[in-house]
Each structure stands twice: as C-alpha cells, then as structure tokens.
Amino acid sequence: MYEDKDVEIAGYASCGGCPGGNIEYAPMEMKKNGVSVIHLATGMLVGYPPCPRIRYFSEFIREKYNMDVVVGTHPIPENYLTTHTSLKTWDSRLWQELIAFALSDEETRKAYD
C-alpha cells in the first residue's frame, strides 16, 4: 500500500476499551496534526473475540472526519490465523473483507508469531 510513498507515523491511540469512546475524538486530534490515514490495529482483528465494532468504527471515521481508514497495522501472525480458522471466526464475507489488508504469506505470518 505504501511501497512508493514516504510514510510517517504521526501518532497512535487506543480505542479506550469497549465501547470505543476514543474513536469519537482521537481521529479529530490526529487530523488536526496532519494525519490523513487511520489504521485500526491488527489486534482488533485477532482478539478473542475480535472487536465487534471494527466495521462501524471504520465507517464512522470515514463519514465524520472524511479520512481514509485501513483495518490492520501489521500482518496477522500465523498462530492467530490458525486459531481463528479453526474457530471459523472469519468465515463471513464481512470478516474476509476486514482481514484482507492484514493477511500475508505464510513466511511473513510465521515471522510475526
């Protein structure tokens, strides 16, 4: 996604825990500081259970702040892929769309274990 671009990490914040109160304010502060893309952490995908609000958070940030949102900050580790595959966590089309950016080849996934 960023192969041909210079990228700078400008900040990070937690969601604030359920139900994600910081999602309302953190993007506004980041935008004020020049951030143009928000990445929602891979941890929101691989948790047990994954964040049930991640789709809504993505849509909210896009709508409210007119910012691009990418779900994932780094590749999903192999051990999480194995477990969630066994649990059928990501079998739906919605989850397949959500994890798409964070999927990678097996060698990379194993390096993140």
C-alpha atoms as a PDB file:
ATOM      1  CA  MET A   1       0.000   0.000   0.000  1.00  0.00           C
ATOM      2  CA  TYR A   2       2.814   2.418   0.821  1.00  0.00           C
ATOM      3  CA  GLU A   3       5.613   0.973  -1.305  1.00  0.00           C
ATOM      4  CA  ASP A   4       6.043   4.110  -3.410  1.00  0.00           C
ATOM      5  CA  LYS A   5       5.371   6.660  -0.672  1.00  0.00           C
ATOM      6  CA  ASP A   6       7.210   8.187   2.227  1.00  0.00           C
ATOM      7  CA  VAL A   7       5.207   7.457   5.356  1.00  0.00           C
ATOM      8  CA  GLU A   8       5.438   8.943   8.800  1.00  0.00           C
ATOM      9  CA  ILE A   9       3.744   7.588  11.875  1.00  0.00           C
ATOM     10  CA  ALA A  10       2.213  10.678  13.406  1.00  0.00           C
ATOM     11  CA  GLY A  11       0.588   9.188  16.466  1.00  0.00           C
ATOM     12  CA  TYR A  12      -1.364   6.387  17.986  1.00  0.00           C
ATOM     13  CA  ALA A  13      -4.201   5.991  20.458  1.00  0.00           C
ATOM     14  CA  SER A  14      -6.202   3.214  21.974  1.00  0.00           C
ATOM     15  CA  CYS A  15      -9.892   2.866  21.347  1.00  0.00           C
ATOM     16  CA  GLY A  16     -10.398   3.375  25.067  1.00  0.00           C
ATOM     17  CA  GLY A  17     -11.897  -0.060  25.573  1.00  0.00           C
ATOM     18  CA  CYS A  18     -15.475  -1.064  24.924  1.00  0.00           C
ATOM     19  CA  PRO A  19     -17.479   0.584  23.584  1.00  0.00           C
ATOM     20  CA  GLY A  20     -14.624   2.560  21.990  1.00  0.00           C
ATOM     21  CA  GLY A  21     -15.117   6.061  23.342  1.00  0.00           C
ATOM     22  CA  ASN A  22     -11.806   7.361  21.969  1.00  0.00           C
ATOM     23  CA  ILE A  23     -12.933   6.565  18.421  1.00  0.00           C
ATOM     24  CA  GLU A  24     -15.083   9.680  18.582  1.00  0.00           C
ATOM     25  CA  TYR A  25     -12.238  12.056  19.471  1.00  0.00           C
ATOM     26  CA  ALA A  26      -8.818  10.598  18.595  1.00  0.00           C
ATOM     27  CA  PRO A  27      -9.250  10.880  14.803  1.00  0.00           C
ATOM     28  CA  MET A  28     -10.148  14.563  15.150  1.00  0.00           C
ATOM     29  CA  GLU A  29      -6.926  15.259  17.045  1.00  0.00           C
ATOM     30  CA  MET A  30      -4.890  13.248  14.564  1.00  0.00           C
ATOM     31  CA  LYS A  31      -6.435  15.085  11.612  1.00  0.00           C
ATOM     32  CA  LYS A  32      -5.571  18.424  13.249  1.00  0.00           C
ATOM     33  CA  ASN A  33      -1.947  17.194  13.333  1.00  0.00           C
ATOM     34  CA  GLY A  34      -1.832  16.307   9.647  1.00  0.00           C
ATOM     35  CA  VAL A  35      -2.802  12.645   9.688  1.00  0.00           C
ATOM     36  CA  SER A  36      -4.554  11.560   6.507  1.00  0.00           C
ATOM     37  CA  VAL A  37      -4.983   7.800   7.081  1.00  0.00           C
ATOM     38  CA  ILE A  38      -6.078   5.991  10.231  1.00  0.00           C
ATOM     39  CA  HIS A  39      -5.052   2.362  10.691  1.00  0.00           C
ATOM     40  CA  LEU A  40      -7.142   0.328  13.106  1.00  0.00           C
ATOM     41  CA  ALA A  41      -4.828  -2.104  14.883  1.00  0.00           C
ATOM     42  CA  THR A  42      -4.474  -5.703  13.794  1.00  0.00           C
ATOM     43  CA  GLY A  43      -5.150  -6.560  17.439  1.00  0.00           C
ATOM     44  CA  MET A  44      -8.758  -5.545  16.866  1.00  0.00           C
ATOM     45  CA  LEU A  45      -8.976  -8.360  14.306  1.00  0.00           C
ATOM     46  CA  VAL A  46      -7.152 -11.113  16.165  1.00  0.00           C
ATOM     47  CA  GLY A  47      -8.514 -10.708  19.684  1.00  0.00           C
ATOM     48  CA  TYR A  48     -10.638 -13.370  21.308  1.00  0.00           C
ATOM     49  CA  PRO A  49     -13.159 -12.280  20.257  1.00  0.00           C
ATOM     50  CA  PRO A  50     -12.241  -9.759  17.562  1.00  0.00           C
ATOM     51  CA  CYS A  51     -13.672  -6.285  18.050  1.00  0.00           C
ATOM     52  CA  PRO A  52     -17.357  -6.473  17.124  1.00  0.00           C
ATOM     53  CA  ARG A  53     -17.399  -2.731  16.374  1.00  0.00           C
ATOM     54  CA  ILE A  54     -14.473  -2.523  13.948  1.00  0.00           C
ATOM     55  CA  ARG A  55     -16.657  -2.144  10.842  1.00  0.00           C
ATOM     56  CA  TYR A  56     -18.685   0.606  12.496  1.00  0.00           C
ATOM     57  CA  PHE A  57     -15.525   2.396  13.667  1.00  0.00           C
ATOM     58  CA  SER A  58     -14.182   2.360  10.095  1.00  0.00           C
ATOM     59  CA  GLU A  59     -17.390   3.761   8.674  1.00  0.00           C
ATOM     60  CA  PHE A  60     -17.718   6.345  11.441  1.00  0.00           C
ATOM     61  CA  ILE A  61     -14.194   7.720  10.924  1.00  0.00           C
ATOM     62  CA  ARG A  62     -14.679   7.896   7.156  1.00  0.00           C
ATOM     63  CA  GLU A  63     -18.018   9.669   7.486  1.00  0.00           C
ATOM     64  CA  LYS A  64     -17.330  12.003  10.413  1.00  0.00           C
ATOM     65  CA  TYR A  65     -13.740  13.002   9.591  1.00  0.00           C
ATOM     66  CA  ASN A  66     -13.507  12.288   5.852  1.00  0.00           C
ATOM     67  CA  MET A  67     -10.341  10.257   6.437  1.00  0.00           C
ATOM     68  CA  ASP A  68      -9.146   7.038   4.849  1.00  0.00           C
ATOM     69  CA  VAL A  69      -9.259   4.039   7.176  1.00  0.00           C
ATOM     70  CA  VAL A  70      -7.217   0.852   6.848  1.00  0.00           C
ATOM     71  CA  VAL A  71      -8.003  -2.138   9.032  1.00  0.00           C
ATOM     72  CA  GLY A  72      -4.672  -3.556  10.128  1.00  0.00           C
ATOM     73  CA  THR A  73      -1.293  -2.255  11.195  1.00  0.00           C
ATOM     74  CA  HIS A  74       0.798  -5.351  10.532  1.00  0.00           C
ATOM     75  CA  PRO A  75       0.318  -8.920   9.247  1.00  0.00           C
ATOM     76  CA  ILE A  76      -1.830 -11.342  11.176  1.00  0.00           C
ATOM     77  CA  PRO A  77       0.506 -13.813  12.940  1.00  0.00           C
ATOM     78  CA  GLU A  78       0.246 -17.444  11.822  1.00  0.00           C
ATOM     79  CA  ASN A  79      -0.906 -18.703  15.232  1.00  0.00           C
ATOM     80  CA  TYR A  80      -3.889 -16.323  15.198  1.00  0.00           C
ATOM     81  CA  LEU A  81      -4.797 -17.277  11.641  1.00  0.00           C
ATOM     82  CA  THR A  82      -4.692 -20.965  12.594  1.00  0.00           C
ATOM     83  CA  THR A  83      -6.866 -20.493  15.684  1.00  0.00           C
ATOM     84  CA  HIS A  84      -9.419 -18.180  14.068  1.00  0.00           C
ATOM     85  CA  THR A  85      -9.634 -20.502  11.054  1.00  0.00           C
ATOM     86  CA  SER A  86     -10.403 -23.419  13.389  1.00  0.00           C
ATOM     87  CA  LEU A  87     -12.975 -21.306  15.233  1.00  0.00           C
ATOM     88  CA  LYS A  88     -14.462 -20.147  11.913  1.00  0.00           C
ATOM     89  CA  THR A  89     -14.263 -16.594  13.257  1.00  0.00           C
ATOM     90  CA  TRP A  90     -13.585 -15.023   9.874  1.00  0.00           C
ATOM     91  CA  ASP A  91     -15.752 -17.248   7.641  1.00  0.00           C
ATOM     92  CA  SER A  92     -18.175 -14.489   6.644  1.00  0.00           C
ATOM     93  CA  ARG A  93     -17.670 -12.188   3.660  1.00  0.00           C
ATOM     94  CA  LEU A  94     -17.612  -9.208   6.036  1.00  0.00           C
ATOM     95  CA  TRP A  95     -14.695 -10.608   8.048  1.00  0.00           C
ATOM     96  CA  GLN A  96     -12.859 -11.648   4.896  1.00  0.00           C
ATOM     97  CA  GLU A  97     -13.057  -8.018   3.744  1.00  0.00           C
ATOM     98  CA  LEU A  98     -11.896  -6.761   7.151  1.00  0.00           C
ATOM     99  CA  ILE A  99      -8.840  -9.021   7.397  1.00  0.00           C
ATOM    100  CA  ALA A 100      -7.790  -8.642   3.737  1.00  0.00           C
ATOM    101  CA  PHE A 101      -5.169  -5.917   4.313  1.00  0.00           C
ATOM    102  CA  ALA A 102      -3.597  -7.774   7.258  1.00  0.00           C
ATOM    103  CA  LEU A 103      -3.262 -11.145   5.511  1.00  0.00           C
ATOM    104  CA  SER A 104       0.110 -12.048   4.091  1.00  0.00           C
ATOM    105  CA  ASP A 105       2.132 -15.033   3.014  1.00  0.00           C
ATOM    106  CA  GLU A 106       2.895 -17.861   5.436  1.00  0.00           C
ATOM    107  CA  GLU A 107       6.545 -16.924   5.905  1.00  0.00           C
ATOM    108  CA  THR A 108       5.627 -13.378   6.962  1.00  0.00           C
ATOM    109  CA  ARG A 109       2.827 -14.604   9.249  1.00  0.00           C
ATOM    110  CA  LYS A 110       5.242 -17.003  10.970  1.00  0.00           C
ATOM    111  CA  ALA A 111       7.767 -14.192  11.458  1.00  0.00           C
ATOM    112  CA  TYR A 112       5.099 -12.349  13.458  1.00  0.00           C
ATOM    113  CA  ASP A 113       4.373 -15.333  15.756  1.00  0.00           C
END
